[in-house]
Amino acid sequence: MRYYTTSEAFEIIKKEGITTNIQVFRRYLQNENIPGAFRKSKKEGWRIPEYGLREFIIGKKGEENMTSPFIKRSFLMKREGLPKEYLEDVLVRLAHHSTALEGNTISLPDTISILLYNTVPSQVNLREFYEVDNHREAFDYIMNQVQNEQSLTVNTIKDIHELLTNKLQHDRGQFKSADNAIRGASFLTASATETPYLMDQWVGNINWQLDQVKNRKDLIRIVGDFHIQFERIHPFSDGNGRTGRLVMNYSLLQHGIPPLIIEVKDKAAYINILANQDTEKFLTFAEPLIEQEDDRITRFRNKEKQQAPIVEIIEPVQKKKPHPKKPPGKER
């Protein structure tokens, strides 16, 4: 997790228009108005965590009015800023629902057994097992990329597909070599020959648009629009749905927005949005789900705060007492 010095944090506060007086800002710190801020020493001064600074700014002016570039790349969704149990929770729900949308029959409890306890339930179809289990490395990969502030690239998308389809496809991580189609769709997907060009264009456009966006609603709308485009291009021979949903969450997480978990119960609504290319319906569909994730993060964070730290007690090593010296005997 990144920590700011007093002067660094004050510059952000000034840009946000909260105060131009350093003494006022110091009073905020002294009055514990900024969560997690602490004074390291008299010489080294204050250390202000990104999440605390972000919460303070939101409280002062509202998230929709924030302008700092740092806010757009919020720490919030990075590995170090989120409770470990929440990340496990996201992994399980994402793997279960994303595969279930494609017809996978492994239950949520069995998904928990596979991903959190490394236990393979009896009578599980091997292909379905890998569809679920592969989410472990793929999710870990995107969280590492987000944490390291790596931009989305065509190679990133190929890497995600390769991890998701490991042991399932011979052409994992490669764009389709033959034209494909979506069952029941009223449109044709992009041809194999035009796919590399379209994906280069897709990546360039989404990165440019997300760099320009200034509020959360527009960001979600843009991510939804490009998710719809991705699924219509259908760049891989198989695994496009699972890959597209992870790529969508990559963009959300990268910009400080909680992940969007599309549950299997919402399959019909989701498919209709994709089929009709309805970006506005995507927004109204996604916003309440993302708000639920906000609440879920808070609950896991509260749980984490209430847990007592584990202190490992190490028994001191007992020094061996030296053997008493034998009294000198008479030489024979």
Protein backbone atom coordinates (compact mmCIF):
# COMPACT_ATOMS: atom_id res chain seq x y z
CA MET A 1 0.00 0.00 0.00
CA ARG A 2 1.34 3.43 -0.89
CA TYR A 3 1.79 6.07 1.81
CA TYR A 4 2.09 9.81 1.13
CA THR A 5 4.15 12.35 3.03
CA THR A 6 2.40 15.42 4.41
CA SER A 7 3.56 17.60 1.50
CA GLU A 8 2.55 15.01 -1.15
CA ALA A 9 -0.91 14.55 0.36
CA PHE A 10 -1.35 18.31 0.77
CA GLU A 11 -0.69 18.84 -2.97
CA ILE A 12 -3.53 16.41 -3.78
CA ILE A 13 -5.82 18.13 -1.28
CA LYS A 14 -5.05 21.51 -2.87
CA LYS A 15 -5.81 20.21 -6.37
CA GLU A 16 -9.12 18.88 -5.08
CA GLY A 17 -9.93 22.38 -3.79
CA ILE A 18 -10.42 21.35 -0.16
CA THR A 19 -7.88 23.74 1.40
CA THR A 20 -4.84 25.76 0.39
CA ASN A 21 -3.65 26.15 3.97
CA ILE A 22 -1.10 23.61 5.17
CA GLN A 23 -1.96 24.33 8.81
CA VAL A 24 -5.62 23.43 8.19
CA PHE A 25 -4.47 20.18 6.61
CA ARG A 26 -2.22 19.43 9.59
CA ARG A 27 -5.20 19.93 11.91
CA TYR A 28 -7.12 17.33 9.89
CA LEU A 29 -4.25 14.93 10.54
CA GLN A 30 -3.99 15.76 14.24
CA ASN A 31 -7.76 15.40 14.71
CA GLU A 32 -7.62 11.94 13.05
CA ASN A 33 -9.91 13.03 10.20
CA ILE A 34 -7.91 11.00 7.67
CA PRO A 35 -8.29 7.23 8.26
CA GLY A 36 -5.04 5.34 8.78
CA ALA A 37 -2.77 8.41 8.90
CA PHE A 38 -0.07 8.26 11.56
CA ARG A 39 2.93 10.29 12.64
CA LYS A 40 6.02 8.19 12.05
CA SER A 41 8.31 10.43 14.09
CA LYS A 42 8.85 14.11 14.82
CA LYS A 43 11.61 14.21 12.22
CA GLU A 44 9.96 12.10 9.50
CA GLY A 45 6.46 13.53 9.95
CA TRP A 46 3.13 12.01 8.90
CA ARG A 47 2.43 9.02 6.69
CA ILE A 48 -0.96 9.12 4.94
CA PRO A 49 -2.29 5.94 3.25
CA GLU A 50 -3.94 6.24 -0.16
CA TYR A 51 -7.18 4.69 1.08
CA GLY A 52 -7.41 7.18 3.96
CA LEU A 53 -6.76 10.12 1.66
CA ARG A 54 -9.36 8.87 -0.78
CA GLU A 55 -12.02 8.37 1.93
CA PHE A 56 -11.27 11.84 3.31
CA ILE A 57 -11.70 13.48 -0.12
CA ILE A 58 -14.91 11.53 -0.80
CA GLY A 59 -16.28 12.71 2.53
CA LYS A 60 -15.44 16.32 1.71
CA LYS A 61 -16.65 16.59 -1.88
CA GLY A 62 -18.18 13.33 -3.07
CA GLU A 63 -16.66 10.73 -5.38
CA GLU A 64 -18.31 12.09 -8.52
CA ASN A 65 -16.56 15.46 -8.04
CA MET A 66 -12.99 14.18 -7.55
CA THR A 67 -10.50 15.21 -10.23
CA SER A 68 -7.01 14.06 -9.17
CA PRO A 69 -5.33 11.51 -11.47
CA PHE A 70 -4.38 9.61 -8.31
CA ILE A 71 -8.07 9.12 -7.55
CA LYS A 72 -8.68 7.50 -10.91
CA ARG A 73 -5.96 4.96 -10.21
CA SER A 74 -7.26 4.40 -6.71
CA PHE A 75 -5.39 2.00 -4.46
CA LEU A 76 -8.77 0.70 -3.34
CA MET A 77 -9.00 -2.19 -5.73
CA LYS A 78 -5.37 -3.21 -5.52
CA ARG A 79 -4.33 -6.33 -3.72
CA GLU A 80 -2.74 -4.56 -0.75
CA GLY A 81 -5.72 -2.27 -0.22
CA LEU A 82 -8.36 -4.98 0.00
CA PRO A 83 -9.00 -7.51 2.76
CA LYS A 84 -7.60 -10.95 1.94
CA GLU A 85 -10.95 -12.60 2.65
CA TYR A 86 -12.72 -10.23 0.25
CA LEU A 87 -10.31 -11.15 -2.56
CA GLU A 88 -11.00 -14.84 -1.87
CA ASP A 89 -14.72 -14.08 -1.85
CA VAL A 90 -14.48 -12.35 -5.26
CA LEU A 91 -12.44 -15.20 -6.72
CA VAL A 92 -14.99 -17.81 -5.64
CA ARG A 93 -18.07 -15.88 -6.82
CA LEU A 94 -16.46 -14.81 -10.08
CA ALA A 95 -15.28 -18.34 -10.92
CA HIS A 96 -18.61 -19.92 -10.02
CA HIS A 97 -20.93 -17.49 -11.79
CA SER A 98 -18.77 -16.82 -14.84
CA THR A 99 -18.47 -20.55 -15.58
CA ALA A 100 -22.12 -21.21 -14.68
CA LEU A 101 -23.16 -18.63 -17.29
CA GLU A 102 -21.45 -20.93 -19.82
CA GLY A 103 -23.23 -24.06 -18.52
CA ASN A 104 -20.78 -25.31 -15.87
CA THR A 105 -22.69 -27.33 -13.24
CA ILE A 106 -20.23 -27.16 -10.31
CA SER A 107 -22.03 -25.68 -7.29
CA LEU A 108 -20.92 -22.66 -5.29
CA PRO A 109 -20.00 -24.79 -2.21
CA ASP A 110 -17.92 -27.09 -4.44
CA THR A 111 -16.25 -24.04 -6.00
CA ILE A 112 -15.26 -22.95 -2.48
CA SER A 113 -13.81 -26.43 -1.83
CA ILE A 114 -11.79 -26.31 -5.07
CA LEU A 115 -10.44 -22.76 -4.84
CA LEU A 116 -10.05 -22.17 -1.11
CA TYR A 117 -9.35 -25.64 0.26
CA ASN A 118 -7.74 -27.37 -2.73
CA THR A 119 -10.24 -30.20 -2.37
CA VAL A 120 -11.69 -31.90 -5.42
CA PRO A 121 -15.29 -32.98 -4.76
CA SER A 122 -16.23 -36.47 -5.88
CA GLN A 123 -17.84 -37.04 -9.29
CA VAL A 124 -16.78 -33.69 -10.73
CA ASN A 125 -16.41 -33.48 -14.50
CA LEU A 126 -12.72 -32.88 -15.29
CA ARG A 127 -13.37 -30.18 -17.88
CA GLU A 128 -15.71 -28.31 -15.54
CA PHE A 129 -13.12 -28.63 -12.76
CA TYR A 130 -10.44 -26.92 -14.89
CA GLU A 131 -12.87 -24.19 -15.99
CA VAL A 132 -13.30 -23.29 -12.31
CA ASP A 133 -9.76 -23.97 -11.08
CA ASN A 134 -8.11 -21.94 -13.85
CA HIS A 135 -9.73 -18.80 -12.44
CA ARG A 136 -7.31 -19.00 -9.51
CA GLU A 137 -4.21 -18.14 -11.58
CA ALA A 138 -6.07 -15.85 -13.97
CA PHE A 139 -7.49 -13.74 -11.12
CA ASP A 140 -4.10 -13.68 -9.39
CA TYR A 141 -2.57 -12.48 -12.66
CA ILE A 142 -4.98 -9.56 -13.13
CA MET A 143 -4.58 -8.48 -9.51
CA ASN A 144 -0.80 -8.45 -9.92
CA GLN A 145 -1.15 -6.43 -13.13
CA VAL A 146 -3.48 -3.94 -11.43
CA GLN A 147 -1.19 -3.68 -8.41
CA ASN A 148 1.76 -2.92 -10.69
CA GLU A 149 -0.32 -0.36 -12.62
CA GLN A 150 0.12 -2.19 -15.92
CA SER A 151 -1.96 -0.88 -18.80
CA LEU A 152 -4.30 -3.24 -20.60
CA THR A 153 -2.68 -4.58 -23.78
CA VAL A 154 -3.50 -7.18 -26.41
CA ASN A 155 -0.89 -9.45 -24.78
CA THR A 156 -2.61 -8.99 -21.39
CA ILE A 157 -5.86 -10.25 -22.92
CA LYS A 158 -4.07 -13.20 -24.50
CA ASP A 159 -2.41 -14.02 -21.16
CA ILE A 160 -5.78 -13.99 -19.39
CA HIS A 161 -7.25 -16.31 -22.03
CA GLU A 162 -4.25 -18.65 -21.81
CA LEU A 163 -4.59 -18.97 -18.03
CA LEU A 164 -8.36 -19.46 -18.17
CA THR A 165 -8.17 -22.18 -20.84
CA ASN A 166 -5.11 -24.02 -19.57
CA LYS A 167 -5.51 -27.80 -20.16
CA LEU A 168 -8.71 -27.07 -22.08
CA GLN A 169 -7.67 -25.64 -25.46
CA HIS A 170 -4.77 -26.35 -27.79
CA ASP A 171 -4.86 -22.75 -29.07
CA ARG A 172 -4.98 -21.07 -25.65
CA GLY A 173 -3.72 -17.51 -25.67
CA GLN A 174 -4.06 -17.21 -29.46
CA PHE A 175 -6.70 -15.43 -31.49
CA LYS A 176 -9.01 -17.66 -33.51
CA SER A 177 -7.63 -19.07 -36.75
CA ALA A 178 -11.08 -19.82 -38.22
CA ASP A 179 -14.35 -17.90 -38.25
CA ASN A 180 -16.71 -18.73 -35.37
CA ALA A 181 -20.26 -17.99 -34.26
CA ILE A 182 -22.39 -17.62 -31.13
CA ARG A 183 -25.30 -19.99 -30.68
CA GLY A 184 -28.62 -18.22 -31.18
CA ALA A 185 -27.02 -14.85 -32.02
CA SER A 186 -28.61 -12.76 -34.76
CA PHE A 187 -25.23 -11.32 -35.80
CA LEU A 188 -21.96 -12.71 -37.12
CA THR A 189 -18.79 -12.39 -35.07
CA ALA A 190 -15.66 -10.82 -36.54
CA SER A 191 -13.76 -12.92 -39.06
CA ALA A 192 -10.47 -14.54 -38.06
CA THR A 193 -8.52 -12.36 -40.50
CA GLU A 194 -9.85 -9.05 -39.17
CA THR A 195 -9.68 -10.01 -35.46
CA PRO A 196 -6.03 -8.97 -34.76
CA TYR A 197 -6.64 -5.50 -36.23
CA LEU A 198 -9.97 -5.10 -34.43
CA MET A 199 -8.43 -6.11 -31.08
CA ASP A 200 -5.53 -3.67 -31.49
CA GLN A 201 -8.11 -0.97 -32.19
CA TRP A 202 -10.28 -2.14 -29.28
CA VAL A 203 -7.42 -1.90 -26.77
CA GLY A 204 -6.29 1.51 -28.00
CA ASN A 205 -9.81 2.92 -27.86
CA ILE A 206 -10.71 1.63 -24.41
CA ASN A 207 -7.44 2.88 -22.89
CA TRP A 208 -7.89 6.31 -24.46
CA GLN A 209 -11.53 6.67 -23.38
CA LEU A 210 -10.87 5.51 -19.82
CA ASP A 211 -8.00 7.98 -19.50
CA GLN A 212 -10.39 10.82 -20.36
CA VAL A 213 -13.27 9.81 -18.09
CA LYS A 214 -13.98 11.97 -15.02
CA ASN A 215 -16.70 10.19 -13.06
CA ARG A 216 -17.67 6.72 -11.98
CA LYS A 217 -20.93 6.48 -13.96
CA ASP A 218 -19.23 7.26 -17.27
CA LEU A 219 -16.42 4.85 -16.47
CA ILE A 220 -18.85 1.98 -15.90
CA ARG A 221 -20.73 2.91 -19.09
CA ILE A 222 -17.50 2.84 -21.14
CA VAL A 223 -16.39 -0.48 -19.67
CA GLY A 224 -19.82 -1.94 -20.45
CA ASP A 225 -19.75 -0.64 -24.02
CA PHE A 226 -16.34 -2.20 -24.67
CA HIS A 227 -17.40 -5.47 -23.03
CA ILE A 228 -20.27 -5.67 -25.51
CA GLN A 229 -17.86 -4.95 -28.38
CA PHE A 230 -15.44 -7.61 -27.13
CA GLU A 231 -18.10 -10.30 -27.08
CA ARG A 232 -19.24 -9.38 -30.60
CA ILE A 233 -15.68 -9.61 -31.93
CA HIS A 234 -15.38 -13.00 -30.14
CA PRO A 235 -11.60 -13.04 -30.65
CA PHE A 236 -10.89 -16.60 -29.44
CA SER A 237 -12.09 -19.97 -30.66
CA ASP A 238 -13.62 -20.61 -27.21
CA GLY A 239 -13.58 -19.08 -23.73
CA ASN A 240 -14.64 -15.61 -24.89
CA GLY A 241 -17.28 -15.11 -22.19
CA ARG A 242 -14.99 -16.01 -19.28
CA THR A 243 -12.13 -13.99 -20.77
CA GLY A 244 -14.34 -10.99 -21.56
CA ARG A 245 -15.72 -10.84 -18.02
CA LEU A 246 -12.22 -10.96 -16.49
CA VAL A 247 -10.98 -8.29 -18.90
CA MET A 248 -14.01 -6.16 -17.98
CA ASN A 249 -13.11 -6.47 -14.29
CA TYR A 250 -9.48 -5.69 -15.07
CA SER A 251 -10.59 -2.29 -16.38
CA LEU A 252 -12.89 -1.66 -13.42
CA LEU A 253 -10.29 -2.65 -10.82
CA GLN A 254 -7.57 -0.70 -12.59
CA HIS A 255 -9.64 2.49 -12.20
CA GLY A 256 -10.66 1.98 -8.59
CA ILE A 257 -14.12 0.51 -9.21
CA PRO A 258 -15.24 -2.68 -7.42
CA PRO A 259 -15.59 -5.77 -9.61
CA LEU A 260 -18.82 -6.64 -11.38
CA ILE A 261 -19.97 -10.19 -10.61
CA ILE A 262 -22.71 -11.20 -13.05
CA GLU A 263 -24.64 -13.97 -11.34
CA VAL A 264 -26.17 -16.88 -13.18
CA LYS A 265 -29.67 -15.79 -12.10
CA ASP A 266 -29.18 -12.65 -14.20
CA LYS A 267 -28.14 -14.60 -17.31
CA ALA A 268 -31.18 -13.66 -19.42
CA ALA A 269 -30.85 -9.93 -18.71
CA TYR A 270 -27.11 -10.05 -19.40
CA ILE A 271 -27.50 -11.91 -22.71
CA ASN A 272 -30.20 -9.47 -23.85
CA ILE A 273 -27.89 -6.52 -23.14
CA LEU A 274 -25.13 -8.13 -25.21
CA ALA A 275 -27.50 -9.07 -28.03
CA ASN A 276 -29.04 -5.59 -28.23
CA GLN A 277 -25.75 -3.74 -27.69
CA ASP A 278 -27.57 -1.73 -25.04
CA THR A 279 -24.93 0.31 -23.19
CA GLU A 280 -27.46 2.26 -21.11
CA LYS A 281 -29.14 -0.93 -19.93
CA PHE A 282 -25.71 -2.30 -19.06
CA LEU A 283 -25.16 0.78 -16.88
CA THR A 284 -28.49 0.41 -15.03
CA PHE A 285 -27.81 -3.33 -14.67
CA ALA A 286 -24.23 -2.92 -13.42
CA GLU A 287 -24.45 0.07 -11.08
CA PRO A 288 -26.49 -1.55 -8.26
CA LEU A 289 -24.33 -4.68 -8.43
CA ILE A 290 -21.16 -2.62 -8.08
CA GLU A 291 -22.72 -0.68 -5.19
CA GLN A 292 -23.36 -4.03 -3.48
CA GLU A 293 -19.64 -4.75 -3.87
CA ASP A 294 -18.86 -1.43 -2.18
CA ASP A 295 -20.92 -2.59 0.80
CA ARG A 296 -19.30 -6.04 0.72
CA ILE A 297 -15.81 -4.50 0.82
CA THR A 298 -16.80 -2.41 3.83
CA ARG A 299 -18.15 -5.46 5.65
CA PHE A 300 -14.97 -7.47 5.04
CA ARG A 301 -12.85 -4.47 6.03
CA ASN A 302 -14.82 -4.14 9.28
CA LYS A 303 -14.33 -7.84 9.96
CA GLU A 304 -10.60 -7.51 9.35
CA LYS A 305 -10.34 -4.56 11.75
CA GLN A 306 -12.10 -6.51 14.51
CA GLN A 307 -9.74 -9.46 14.30
CA ALA A 308 -7.05 -9.50 16.93
CA PRO A 309 -3.53 -9.62 15.57
CA ILE A 310 -1.89 -13.02 15.84
CA VAL A 311 1.19 -12.87 18.01
CA GLU A 312 3.56 -15.72 17.60
CA ILE A 313 5.16 -16.72 20.88
CA ILE A 314 8.58 -18.21 20.51
CA GLU A 315 9.93 -20.08 23.45
CA PRO A 316 13.42 -18.91 24.41
CA VAL A 317 16.13 -21.39 23.64
CA GLN A 318 17.37 -22.97 26.84
CA LYS A 319 21.10 -22.84 27.11
CA LYS A 320 22.64 -26.11 28.03
CA LYS A 321 24.44 -26.03 31.32
CA PRO A 322 28.08 -26.94 30.93
CA HIS A 323 29.06 -30.24 32.41
CA PRO A 324 30.94 -29.79 35.68
CA LYS A 325 34.59 -30.36 35.28
CA LYS A 326 35.88 -33.54 36.80
CA PRO A 327 38.35 -33.00 39.58
CA PRO A 328 41.82 -33.70 38.43
CA GLY A 329 42.74 -37.26 39.17
CA LYS A 330 46.07 -38.84 39.84
CA GLU A 331 47.90 -39.90 36.79
CA ARG A 332 48.73 -43.54 36.68
